[in-house]
Amino acid sequence: MIAVLYFGLRLKQLWRILRRLGVAISLLLAAFMFLALYVLIKTSYSWIMPAAVILCLLCYHNERKDKDFLSQQVKCPALLLMAEYILIGLPFVVIECLRSHYAAAAAVMTTVVLLPKLKTIKMKSVPVPLPFLYKGGLEYIRMFRMYGWLYLLLLIVTVIGAQHANIRIGKVALIVWGIVQTMSFASVPQRQELTFYLNYSAFQRHLVLSSVWNAVITAVPFVGIILSFSFSGDNLLFAVSVISGSILYLCNMGMVRHMSFSSASLAVYQLIVLIPLFFFTCFIPLLLVPFVLINVLCCIFLKDNLKNIWN
């Protein structure tokens, strides 16, 4: 009975989220999810799909906030969590069995069984003064303290790839960091925060100058490694395109977050518009032109939207 009520509550939560997002955004998210599943199923490497499923389950279990509540309401919350994880992982287990990848299916099922017994891992960030790294507000340094380990990991991977004459790994790492650093503007702020600036021009100047500094400073190590091991006009053009795209990406996020209703709508906007545009801009520099036009339109619309703040 408790399990039926629990899964019924989960369905109601899902329905509430979909209603809040709207029909169009919900369909786009569903299409994106099915596309991701299709890519995972069609990949030629058998370990990628089970690894992705296990990683998603681990992150979901570690980040969920209802474990204490369930432990107070249910005698054995581990069984309830296990049943939920089985429902999530069962389709992937069936797919792996149909592909005769029984070891991968067993790995997913083992994770599902043991996952409810794992304790929550709380990430702690150690304050490290990095005055050269960022300009502007504290959003970027907060992001770097959260994802600094990923930045170092990408640098290490870039060096290893360059030593093995594989510069493409460094290019991928630079693109990944260009996307990760925009997490500094992933939250929707209160409009009262804009009163810190004298006027709209001061806000834009602060946003552009800080974005240019932060994007260039963090990209220099990647670009230096890439050009040191393989200097060519194409690699130099690629580096300029990625840095320019990162600056435009940061500026756009810094503006759009003041026009968003929620963090979910901001994430959808990134998935549908900014991430694909940024990715293709890295390889097609001419796409910087529409990227600039989008930023100009956002700047004009935001100015009209925030005109009451400085009146």
C-alpha atoms as a PDB file:
ATOM      1  CA  MET A   1       0.000   0.000   0.000  1.00  0.00           C
ATOM      2  CA  ILE A   2       2.801   2.392   0.903  1.00  0.00           C
ATOM      3  CA  ALA A   3       4.629   1.575  -2.333  1.00  0.00           C
ATOM      4  CA  VAL A   4       1.490   2.354  -4.375  1.00  0.00           C
ATOM      5  CA  LEU A   5       1.048   5.694  -2.610  1.00  0.00           C
ATOM      6  CA  TYR A   6       4.743   6.506  -3.047  1.00  0.00           C
ATOM      7  CA  PHE A   7       4.813   5.860  -6.793  1.00  0.00           C
ATOM      8  CA  GLY A   8       1.497   7.662  -7.164  1.00  0.00           C
ATOM      9  CA  LEU A   9       3.092  10.675  -5.489  1.00  0.00           C
ATOM     10  CA  ARG A  10       6.037  10.431  -7.861  1.00  0.00           C
ATOM     11  CA  LEU A  11       3.694  10.481 -10.857  1.00  0.00           C
ATOM     12  CA  LYS A  12       1.912  13.541  -9.462  1.00  0.00           C
ATOM     13  CA  GLN A  13       5.261  15.304  -9.024  1.00  0.00           C
ATOM     14  CA  LEU A  14       6.191  14.510 -12.618  1.00  0.00           C
ATOM     15  CA  TRP A  15       2.823  15.751 -13.851  1.00  0.00           C
ATOM     16  CA  ARG A  16       3.217  18.992 -11.856  1.00  0.00           C
ATOM     17  CA  ILE A  17       6.662  19.607 -13.335  1.00  0.00           C
ATOM     18  CA  LEU A  18       5.424  18.979 -16.891  1.00  0.00           C
ATOM     19  CA  ARG A  19       2.474  21.313 -16.405  1.00  0.00           C
ATOM     20  CA  ARG A  20       4.797  24.021 -15.148  1.00  0.00           C
ATOM     21  CA  LEU A  21       7.161  23.631 -18.090  1.00  0.00           C
ATOM     22  CA  GLY A  22       4.375  23.619 -20.667  1.00  0.00           C
ATOM     23  CA  VAL A  23       3.557  21.361 -23.605  1.00  0.00           C
ATOM     24  CA  ALA A  24       6.206  22.682 -26.003  1.00  0.00           C
ATOM     25  CA  ILE A  25       9.116  22.488 -23.559  1.00  0.00           C
ATOM     26  CA  SER A  26       7.980  19.088 -22.285  1.00  0.00           C
ATOM     27  CA  LEU A  27       7.928  17.708 -25.839  1.00  0.00           C
ATOM     28  CA  LEU A  28      11.383  19.149 -26.525  1.00  0.00           C
ATOM     29  CA  LEU A  29      12.756  17.589 -23.354  1.00  0.00           C
ATOM     30  CA  ALA A  30      11.167  14.254 -24.266  1.00  0.00           C
ATOM     31  CA  ALA A  31      12.690  14.452 -27.752  1.00  0.00           C
ATOM     32  CA  PHE A  32      16.097  15.262 -26.231  1.00  0.00           C
ATOM     33  CA  MET A  33      15.785  12.327 -23.838  1.00  0.00           C
ATOM     34  CA  PHE A  34      14.863   9.884 -26.617  1.00  0.00           C
ATOM     35  CA  LEU A  35      17.729  11.211 -28.737  1.00  0.00           C
ATOM     36  CA  ALA A  36      20.158  10.620 -25.861  1.00  0.00           C
ATOM     37  CA  LEU A  37      18.789   7.087 -25.377  1.00  0.00           C
ATOM     38  CA  TYR A  38      19.112   6.417 -29.101  1.00  0.00           C
ATOM     39  CA  VAL A  39      22.751   7.532 -29.055  1.00  0.00           C
ATOM     40  CA  LEU A  40      23.478   5.330 -26.040  1.00  0.00           C
ATOM     41  CA  ILE A  41      21.812   2.314 -27.637  1.00  0.00           C
ATOM     42  CA  LYS A  42      23.497   2.760 -31.008  1.00  0.00           C
ATOM     43  CA  THR A  43      27.006   3.336 -29.684  1.00  0.00           C
ATOM     44  CA  SER A  44      29.543   0.727 -30.699  1.00  0.00           C
ATOM     45  CA  TYR A  45      31.157   0.620 -27.240  1.00  0.00           C
ATOM     46  CA  SER A  46      29.228  -1.748 -24.992  1.00  0.00           C
ATOM     47  CA  TRP A  47      30.385  -0.162 -21.723  1.00  0.00           C
ATOM     48  CA  ILE A  48      29.087   3.365 -22.416  1.00  0.00           C
ATOM     49  CA  MET A  49      25.371   2.774 -21.788  1.00  0.00           C
ATOM     50  CA  PRO A  50      25.707   0.851 -18.489  1.00  0.00           C
ATOM     51  CA  ALA A  51      28.315   3.342 -17.297  1.00  0.00           C
ATOM     52  CA  ALA A  52      25.970   6.252 -18.084  1.00  0.00           C
ATOM     53  CA  VAL A  53      23.036   4.522 -16.346  1.00  0.00           C
ATOM     54  CA  ILE A  54      25.087   3.721 -13.242  1.00  0.00           C
ATOM     55  CA  LEU A  55      26.464   7.272 -13.073  1.00  0.00           C
ATOM     56  CA  CYS A  56      22.970   8.788 -13.400  1.00  0.00           C
ATOM     57  CA  LEU A  57      21.611   6.490 -10.682  1.00  0.00           C
ATOM     58  CA  LEU A  58      24.499   7.342  -8.360  1.00  0.00           C
ATOM     59  CA  CYS A  59      23.990  11.079  -8.862  1.00  0.00           C
ATOM     60  CA  TYR A  60      20.221  10.766  -8.418  1.00  0.00           C
ATOM     61  CA  HIS A  61      20.585   8.799  -5.201  1.00  0.00           C
ATOM     62  CA  ASN A  62      23.241  11.126  -3.796  1.00  0.00           C
ATOM     63  CA  GLU A  63      21.302  14.323  -4.550  1.00  0.00           C
ATOM     64  CA  ARG A  64      17.792  13.295  -3.512  1.00  0.00           C
ATOM     65  CA  LYS A  65      16.484  15.063  -0.403  1.00  0.00           C
ATOM     66  CA  ASP A  66      13.712  12.710   0.738  1.00  0.00           C
ATOM     67  CA  LYS A  67      15.801   9.902   2.257  1.00  0.00           C
ATOM     68  CA  ASP A  68      15.443  11.199   5.818  1.00  0.00           C
ATOM     69  CA  PHE A  69      11.706  11.691   5.336  1.00  0.00           C
ATOM     70  CA  LEU A  70      11.257   8.148   4.008  1.00  0.00           C
ATOM     71  CA  SER A  71      13.271   6.694   6.896  1.00  0.00           C
ATOM     72  CA  GLN A  72      10.789   8.299   9.302  1.00  0.00           C
ATOM     73  CA  GLN A  73       7.653   7.195   7.446  1.00  0.00           C
ATOM     74  CA  VAL A  74       8.583   3.698   6.206  1.00  0.00           C
ATOM     75  CA  LYS A  75       9.958   0.749   8.152  1.00  0.00           C
ATOM     76  CA  CYS A  76      12.336  -0.306   5.380  1.00  0.00           C
ATOM     77  CA  PRO A  77      13.017   2.642   3.040  1.00  0.00           C
ATOM     78  CA  ALA A  78      15.837   0.737   1.310  1.00  0.00           C
ATOM     79  CA  LEU A  79      13.322  -1.643  -0.275  1.00  0.00           C
ATOM     80  CA  LEU A  80      11.223   1.264  -1.514  1.00  0.00           C
ATOM     81  CA  LEU A  81      14.252   2.982  -3.026  1.00  0.00           C
ATOM     82  CA  MET A  82      15.397  -0.310  -4.527  1.00  0.00           C
ATOM     83  CA  ALA A  83      12.003  -0.793  -6.197  1.00  0.00           C
ATOM     84  CA  GLU A  84      12.203   2.705  -7.682  1.00  0.00           C
ATOM     85  CA  TYR A  85      15.734   2.154  -8.988  1.00  0.00           C
ATOM     86  CA  ILE A  86      14.721  -1.216 -10.450  1.00  0.00           C
ATOM     87  CA  LEU A  87      11.926   0.458 -12.413  1.00  0.00           C
ATOM     88  CA  ILE A  88      14.392   3.046 -13.692  1.00  0.00           C
ATOM     89  CA  GLY A  89      17.140   0.582 -14.613  1.00  0.00           C
ATOM     90  CA  LEU A  90      15.005  -2.311 -15.853  1.00  0.00           C
ATOM     91  CA  PRO A  91      14.636  -1.056 -19.468  1.00  0.00           C
ATOM     92  CA  PHE A  92      18.404  -0.742 -19.778  1.00  0.00           C
ATOM     93  CA  VAL A  93      18.933  -4.181 -18.269  1.00  0.00           C
ATOM     94  CA  VAL A  94      16.525  -5.674 -20.820  1.00  0.00           C
ATOM     95  CA  ILE A  95      18.324  -3.871 -23.650  1.00  0.00           C
ATOM     96  CA  GLU A  96      21.708  -5.182 -22.504  1.00  0.00           C
ATOM     97  CA  CYS A  97      20.322  -8.723 -22.221  1.00  0.00           C
ATOM     98  CA  LEU A  98      18.909  -8.520 -25.750  1.00  0.00           C
ATOM     99  CA  ARG A  99      22.351  -7.426 -26.965  1.00  0.00           C
ATOM    100  CA  SER A 100      23.923 -10.382 -25.084  1.00  0.00           C
ATOM    101  CA  HIS A 101      25.856  -8.032 -22.797  1.00  0.00           C
ATOM    102  CA  TYR A 102      25.072  -9.945 -19.632  1.00  0.00           C
ATOM    103  CA  ALA A 103      27.999  -8.541 -17.653  1.00  0.00           C
ATOM    104  CA  ALA A 104      26.765  -4.984 -18.228  1.00  0.00           C
ATOM    105  CA  ALA A 105      23.222  -5.979 -17.232  1.00  0.00           C
ATOM    106  CA  ALA A 106      24.549  -7.611 -14.077  1.00  0.00           C
ATOM    107  CA  ALA A 107      26.535  -4.468 -13.236  1.00  0.00           C
ATOM    108  CA  VAL A 108      23.417  -2.307 -13.518  1.00  0.00           C
ATOM    109  CA  MET A 109      21.356  -4.694 -11.380  1.00  0.00           C
ATOM    110  CA  THR A 110      24.109  -4.894  -8.765  1.00  0.00           C
ATOM    111  CA  THR A 111      24.181  -1.110  -8.586  1.00  0.00           C
ATOM    112  CA  VAL A 112      20.391  -0.998  -8.219  1.00  0.00           C
ATOM    113  CA  VAL A 113      20.487  -3.473  -5.317  1.00  0.00           C
ATOM    114  CA  LEU A 114      23.391  -1.879  -3.439  1.00  0.00           C
ATOM    115  CA  LEU A 115      22.571   1.768  -4.143  1.00  0.00           C
ATOM    116  CA  PRO A 116      19.958   2.287  -1.354  1.00  0.00           C
ATOM    117  CA  LYS A 117      22.560   1.209   1.216  1.00  0.00           C
ATOM    118  CA  LEU A 118      25.081   3.855   0.199  1.00  0.00           C
ATOM    119  CA  LYS A 119      25.405   6.959   2.334  1.00  0.00           C
ATOM    120  CA  THR A 120      25.136  10.444   0.911  1.00  0.00           C
ATOM    121  CA  ILE A 121      28.446  11.938  -0.161  1.00  0.00           C
ATOM    122  CA  LYS A 122      28.592  15.613   0.780  1.00  0.00           C
ATOM    123  CA  MET A 123      30.913  17.700  -1.344  1.00  0.00           C
ATOM    124  CA  LYS A 124      32.888  20.338   0.539  1.00  0.00           C
ATOM    125  CA  SER A 125      34.612  23.202  -1.185  1.00  0.00           C
ATOM    126  CA  VAL A 126      37.741  24.628   0.422  1.00  0.00           C
ATOM    127  CA  PRO A 127      38.038  28.407   0.003  1.00  0.00           C
ATOM    128  CA  VAL A 128      41.116  29.085  -2.094  1.00  0.00           C
ATOM    129  CA  PRO A 129      42.076  32.693  -2.917  1.00  0.00           C
ATOM    130  CA  LEU A 130      42.448  32.976  -6.681  1.00  0.00           C
ATOM    131  CA  PRO A 131      42.481  36.727  -7.382  1.00  0.00           C
ATOM    132  CA  PHE A 132      43.994  36.356 -10.842  1.00  0.00           C
ATOM    133  CA  LEU A 133      41.359  33.888 -11.991  1.00  0.00           C
ATOM    134  CA  TYR A 134      38.202  35.938 -12.002  1.00  0.00           C
ATOM    135  CA  LYS A 135      36.879  39.445 -12.371  1.00  0.00           C
ATOM    136  CA  GLY A 136      33.475  40.803 -11.483  1.00  0.00           C
ATOM    137  CA  GLY A 137      31.111  39.258  -8.965  1.00  0.00           C
ATOM    138  CA  LEU A 138      31.433  36.061  -6.998  1.00  0.00           C
ATOM    139  CA  GLU A 139      29.392  33.875  -9.384  1.00  0.00           C
ATOM    140  CA  TYR A 140      32.380  32.693 -11.394  1.00  0.00           C
ATOM    141  CA  ILE A 141      34.646  31.947  -8.441  1.00  0.00           C
ATOM    142  CA  ARG A 142      31.803  30.016  -6.778  1.00  0.00           C
ATOM    143  CA  MET A 143      31.478  27.943  -9.937  1.00  0.00           C
ATOM    144  CA  PHE A 144      35.251  27.364 -10.076  1.00  0.00           C
ATOM    145  CA  ARG A 145      35.346  26.189  -6.476  1.00  0.00           C
ATOM    146  CA  MET A 146      32.629  23.665  -7.317  1.00  0.00           C
ATOM    147  CA  TYR A 147      34.103  22.443 -10.596  1.00  0.00           C
ATOM    148  CA  GLY A 148      37.791  23.180 -10.142  1.00  0.00           C
ATOM    149  CA  TRP A 149      38.481  19.451  -9.890  1.00  0.00           C
ATOM    150  CA  LEU A 150      36.922  19.016 -13.336  1.00  0.00           C
ATOM    151  CA  TYR A 151      39.074  21.828 -14.726  1.00  0.00           C
ATOM    152  CA  LEU A 152      42.232  20.113 -13.452  1.00  0.00           C
ATOM    153  CA  LEU A 153      41.023  16.763 -14.777  1.00  0.00           C
ATOM    154  CA  LEU A 154      40.419  18.257 -18.232  1.00  0.00           C
ATOM    155  CA  LEU A 155      43.898  19.787 -18.193  1.00  0.00           C
ATOM    156  CA  ILE A 156      45.477  16.446 -17.286  1.00  0.00           C
ATOM    157  CA  VAL A 157      43.527  14.677 -20.021  1.00  0.00           C
ATOM    158  CA  THR A 158      44.611  17.369 -22.494  1.00  0.00           C
ATOM    159  CA  VAL A 159      48.296  16.885 -21.613  1.00  0.00           C
ATOM    160  CA  ILE A 160      48.019  13.090 -21.885  1.00  0.00           C
ATOM    161  CA  GLY A 161      46.264  13.362 -25.249  1.00  0.00           C
ATOM    162  CA  ALA A 162      48.862  15.834 -26.551  1.00  0.00           C
ATOM    163  CA  GLN A 163      51.724  13.549 -25.522  1.00  0.00           C
ATOM    164  CA  HIS A 164      50.098  10.776 -27.558  1.00  0.00           C
ATOM    165  CA  ALA A 165      49.674  13.091 -30.578  1.00  0.00           C
ATOM    166  CA  ASN A 166      45.918  13.332 -30.087  1.00  0.00           C
ATOM    167  CA  ILE A 167      45.084  17.032 -30.004  1.00  0.00           C
ATOM    168  CA  ARG A 168      41.369  16.329 -30.478  1.00  0.00           C
ATOM    169  CA  ILE A 169      41.126  15.374 -26.804  1.00  0.00           C
ATOM    170  CA  GLY A 170      42.353  18.834 -25.847  1.00  0.00           C
ATOM    171  CA  LYS A 171      39.828  20.432 -28.197  1.00  0.00           C
ATOM    172  CA  VAL A 172      37.000  18.431 -26.648  1.00  0.00           C
ATOM    173  CA  ALA A 173      38.202  19.391 -23.160  1.00  0.00           C
ATOM    174  CA  LEU A 174      38.242  23.077 -24.118  1.00  0.00           C
ATOM    175  CA  ILE A 175      34.670  22.839 -25.452  1.00  0.00           C
ATOM    176  CA  VAL A 176      33.516  20.996 -22.329  1.00  0.00           C
ATOM    177  CA  TRP A 177      35.014  23.683 -20.096  1.00  0.00           C
ATOM    178  CA  GLY A 178      33.362  26.369 -22.208  1.00  0.00           C
ATOM    179  CA  ILE A 179      30.006  24.796 -21.316  1.00  0.00           C
ATOM    180  CA  VAL A 180      30.829  24.029 -17.679  1.00  0.00           C
ATOM    181  CA  GLN A 181      31.921  27.567 -16.830  1.00  0.00           C
ATOM    182  CA  THR A 182      28.479  28.921 -17.742  1.00  0.00           C
ATOM    183  CA  MET A 183      27.198  27.181 -14.596  1.00  0.00           C
ATOM    184  CA  SER A 184      28.235  30.395 -12.842  1.00  0.00           C
ATOM    185  CA  PHE A 185      25.046  31.947 -14.281  1.00  0.00           C
ATOM    186  CA  ALA A 186      22.790  28.895 -13.952  1.00  0.00           C
ATOM    187  CA  SER A 187      20.645  30.339 -11.152  1.00  0.00           C
ATOM    188  CA  VAL A 188      17.905  32.958 -11.475  1.00  0.00           C
ATOM    189  CA  PRO A 189      18.780  35.981  -9.259  1.00  0.00           C
ATOM    190  CA  GLN A 190      16.540  38.517  -7.594  1.00  0.00           C
ATOM    191  CA  ARG A 191      16.100  41.717  -9.564  1.00  0.00           C
ATOM    192  CA  GLN A 192      17.067  43.743  -6.520  1.00  0.00           C
ATOM    193  CA  GLU A 193      20.660  42.613  -7.083  1.00  0.00           C
ATOM    194  CA  LEU A 194      20.845  44.858 -10.150  1.00  0.00           C
ATOM    195  CA  THR A 195      20.477  47.961  -7.996  1.00  0.00           C
ATOM    196  CA  PHE A 196      24.149  47.475  -7.133  1.00  0.00           C
ATOM    197  CA  TYR A 197      24.972  48.965 -10.565  1.00  0.00           C
ATOM    198  CA  LEU A 198      24.643  52.659 -11.328  1.00  0.00           C
ATOM    199  CA  ASN A 199      22.718  52.025 -14.547  1.00  0.00           C
ATOM    200  CA  TYR A 200      22.185  49.467 -17.286  1.00  0.00           C
ATOM    201  CA  SER A 201      25.383  50.480 -19.106  1.00  0.00           C
ATOM    202  CA  ALA A 202      27.404  49.820 -15.964  1.00  0.00           C
ATOM    203  CA  PHE A 203      25.825  46.369 -15.661  1.00  0.00           C
ATOM    204  CA  GLN A 204      26.645  45.499 -19.280  1.00  0.00           C
ATOM    205  CA  ARG A 205      30.193  46.801 -18.989  1.00  0.00           C
ATOM    206  CA  HIS A 206      30.747  44.740 -15.843  1.00  0.00           C
ATOM    207  CA  LEU A 207      29.294  41.611 -17.482  1.00  0.00           C
ATOM    208  CA  VAL A 208      31.309  41.898 -20.712  1.00  0.00           C
ATOM    209  CA  LEU A 209      34.653  42.738 -19.114  1.00  0.00           C
ATOM    210  CA  SER A 210      34.389  39.995 -16.477  1.00  0.00           C
ATOM    211  CA  SER A 211      33.281  37.420 -19.091  1.00  0.00           C
ATOM    212  CA  VAL A 212      36.193  38.290 -21.380  1.00  0.00           C
ATOM    213  CA  TRP A 213      38.720  38.028 -18.553  1.00  0.00           C
ATOM    214  CA  ASN A 214      37.354  34.793 -17.091  1.00  0.00           C
ATOM    215  CA  ALA A 215      36.936  32.995 -20.432  1.00  0.00           C
ATOM    216  CA  VAL A 216      40.402  33.975 -21.694  1.00  0.00           C
ATOM    217  CA  ILE A 217      42.319  33.255 -18.460  1.00  0.00           C
ATOM    218  CA  THR A 218      40.869  29.757 -18.023  1.00  0.00           C
ATOM    219  CA  ALA A 219      41.255  28.899 -21.725  1.00  0.00           C
ATOM    220  CA  VAL A 220      44.935  29.932 -21.989  1.00  0.00           C
ATOM    221  CA  PRO A 221      46.345  26.654 -20.528  1.00  0.00           C
ATOM    222  CA  PHE A 222      44.301  24.527 -22.964  1.00  0.00           C
ATOM    223  CA  VAL A 223      45.225  26.707 -25.940  1.00  0.00           C
ATOM    224  CA  GLY A 224      48.879  26.734 -24.905  1.00  0.00           C
ATOM    225  CA  ILE A 225      49.017  22.938 -24.730  1.00  0.00           C
ATOM    226  CA  ILE A 226      47.215  22.498 -28.056  1.00  0.00           C
ATOM    227  CA  LEU A 227      49.389  24.995 -29.934  1.00  0.00           C
ATOM    228  CA  SER A 228      52.615  23.808 -28.284  1.00  0.00           C
ATOM    229  CA  PHE A 229      52.166  20.257 -29.516  1.00  0.00           C
ATOM    230  CA  SER A 230      50.466  21.056 -32.831  1.00  0.00           C
ATOM    231  CA  PHE A 231      50.748  24.629 -34.038  1.00  0.00           C
ATOM    232  CA  SER A 232      48.744  25.309 -37.183  1.00  0.00           C
ATOM    233  CA  GLY A 233      46.387  27.883 -38.609  1.00  0.00           C
ATOM    234  CA  ASP A 234      43.404  25.575 -38.139  1.00  0.00           C
ATOM    235  CA  ASN A 235      44.160  25.004 -34.456  1.00  0.00           C
ATOM    236  CA  LEU A 236      44.700  28.731 -33.903  1.00  0.00           C
ATOM    237  CA  LEU A 237      41.390  29.519 -35.605  1.00  0.00           C
ATOM    238  CA  PHE A 238      39.700  26.854 -33.496  1.00  0.00           C
ATOM    239  CA  ALA A 239      41.099  28.361 -30.288  1.00  0.00           C
ATOM    240  CA  VAL A 240      39.933  31.859 -31.247  1.00  0.00           C
ATOM    241  CA  SER A 241      36.475  30.506 -32.137  1.00  0.00           C
ATOM    242  CA  VAL A 242      36.116  28.630 -28.838  1.00  0.00           C
ATOM    243  CA  ILE A 243      37.231  31.606 -26.731  1.00  0.00           C
ATOM    244  CA  SER A 244      34.978  33.993 -28.646  1.00  0.00           C
ATOM    245  CA  GLY A 245      32.062  31.585 -28.345  1.00  0.00           C
ATOM    246  CA  SER A 246      32.722  31.171 -24.609  1.00  0.00           C
ATOM    247  CA  ILE A 247      32.646  34.932 -24.092  1.00  0.00           C
ATOM    248  CA  LEU A 248      29.369  35.270 -26.004  1.00  0.00           C
ATOM    249  CA  TYR A 249      27.943  32.252 -24.161  1.00  0.00           C
ATOM    250  CA  LEU A 250      28.802  33.756 -20.751  1.00  0.00           C
ATOM    251  CA  CYS A 251      27.411  37.159 -21.692  1.00  0.00           C
ATOM    252  CA  ASN A 252      24.193  35.625 -22.987  1.00  0.00           C
ATOM    253  CA  MET A 253      23.699  33.580 -19.831  1.00  0.00           C
ATOM    254  CA  GLY A 254      24.440  36.642 -17.709  1.00  0.00           C
ATOM    255  CA  MET A 255      21.598  38.487 -19.457  1.00  0.00           C
ATOM    256  CA  VAL A 256      19.037  35.746 -20.000  1.00  0.00           C
ATOM    257  CA  ARG A 257      19.050  34.639 -16.368  1.00  0.00           C
ATOM    258  CA  HIS A 258      17.520  38.014 -15.458  1.00  0.00           C
ATOM    259  CA  MET A 259      14.636  37.282 -17.863  1.00  0.00           C
ATOM    260  CA  SER A 260      14.014  33.648 -16.883  1.00  0.00           C
ATOM    261  CA  PHE A 261      11.160  32.519 -14.680  1.00  0.00           C
ATOM    262  CA  SER A 262      13.007  29.509 -13.242  1.00  0.00           C
ATOM    263  CA  SER A 263      16.263  27.575 -13.377  1.00  0.00           C
ATOM    264  CA  ALA A 264      14.464  24.829 -15.348  1.00  0.00           C
ATOM    265  CA  SER A 265      13.534  27.202 -18.180  1.00  0.00           C
ATOM    266  CA  LEU A 266      17.109  28.519 -18.206  1.00  0.00           C
ATOM    267  CA  ALA A 267      18.450  24.950 -18.496  1.00  0.00           C
ATOM    268  CA  VAL A 268      16.053  24.202 -21.370  1.00  0.00           C
ATOM    269  CA  TYR A 269      17.178  27.368 -23.162  1.00  0.00           C
ATOM    270  CA  GLN A 270      20.783  26.213 -22.851  1.00  0.00           C
ATOM    271  CA  LEU A 271      20.046  22.713 -24.155  1.00  0.00           C
ATOM    272  CA  ILE A 272      18.016  23.905 -27.132  1.00  0.00           C
ATOM    273  CA  VAL A 273      19.791  27.106 -28.177  1.00  0.00           C
ATOM    274  CA  LEU A 274      23.093  27.955 -26.514  1.00  0.00           C
ATOM    275  CA  ILE A 275      24.893  24.615 -26.288  1.00  0.00           C
ATOM    276  CA  PRO A 276      24.252  23.577 -29.950  1.00  0.00           C
ATOM    277  CA  LEU A 277      25.110  27.092 -31.163  1.00  0.00           C
ATOM    278  CA  PHE A 278      28.298  27.216 -29.091  1.00  0.00           C
ATOM    279  CA  PHE A 279      29.355  23.739 -30.241  1.00  0.00           C
ATOM    280  CA  PHE A 280      28.959  24.479 -33.939  1.00  0.00           C
ATOM    281  CA  THR A 281      30.532  27.926 -33.528  1.00  0.00           C
ATOM    282  CA  CYS A 282      33.746  26.222 -32.393  1.00  0.00           C
ATOM    283  CA  PHE A 283      34.074  24.605 -35.820  1.00  0.00           C
ATOM    284  CA  ILE A 284      32.272  27.175 -37.986  1.00  0.00           C
ATOM    285  CA  PRO A 285      33.539  30.665 -37.048  1.00  0.00           C
ATOM    286  CA  LEU A 286      30.918  32.333 -39.266  1.00  0.00           C
ATOM    287  CA  LEU A 287      28.293  31.317 -36.698  1.00  0.00           C
ATOM    288  CA  LEU A 288      29.791  33.934 -34.395  1.00  0.00           C
ATOM    289  CA  VAL A 289      27.762  36.472 -36.377  1.00  0.00           C
ATOM    290  CA  PRO A 290      24.320  35.079 -35.430  1.00  0.00           C
ATOM    291  CA  PHE A 291      25.657  34.520 -31.906  1.00  0.00           C
ATOM    292  CA  VAL A 292      26.492  38.228 -31.665  1.00  0.00           C
ATOM    293  CA  LEU A 293      23.074  39.145 -33.091  1.00  0.00           C
ATOM    294  CA  ILE A 294      21.342  36.998 -30.469  1.00  0.00           C
ATOM    295  CA  ASN A 295      23.314  38.754 -27.741  1.00  0.00           C
ATOM    296  CA  VAL A 296      22.412  42.165 -29.167  1.00  0.00           C
ATOM    297  CA  LEU A 297      18.720  41.250 -29.205  1.00  0.00           C
ATOM    298  CA  CYS A 298      18.958  39.972 -25.629  1.00  0.00           C
ATOM    299  CA  CYS A 299      20.687  43.204 -24.614  1.00  0.00           C
ATOM    300  CA  ILE A 300      17.938  45.351 -26.169  1.00  0.00           C
ATOM    301  CA  PHE A 301      15.124  43.242 -24.732  1.00  0.00           C
ATOM    302  CA  LEU A 302      16.716  43.144 -21.269  1.00  0.00           C
ATOM    303  CA  LYS A 303      17.202  46.904 -21.284  1.00  0.00           C
ATOM    304  CA  ASP A 304      13.507  47.393 -21.988  1.00  0.00           C
ATOM    305  CA  ASN A 305      12.586  44.747 -19.410  1.00  0.00           C
ATOM    306  CA  LEU A 306      14.664  46.331 -16.637  1.00  0.00           C
ATOM    307  CA  LYS A 307      14.018  49.990 -17.369  1.00  0.00           C
ATOM    308  CA  ASN A 308      11.936  50.422 -14.211  1.00  0.00           C
ATOM    309  CA  ILE A 309      14.861  49.475 -11.944  1.00  0.00           C
ATOM    310  CA  TRP A 310      16.955  52.582 -12.618  1.00  0.00           C
ATOM    311  CA  ASN A 311      14.100  55.057 -13.056  1.00  0.00           C
END
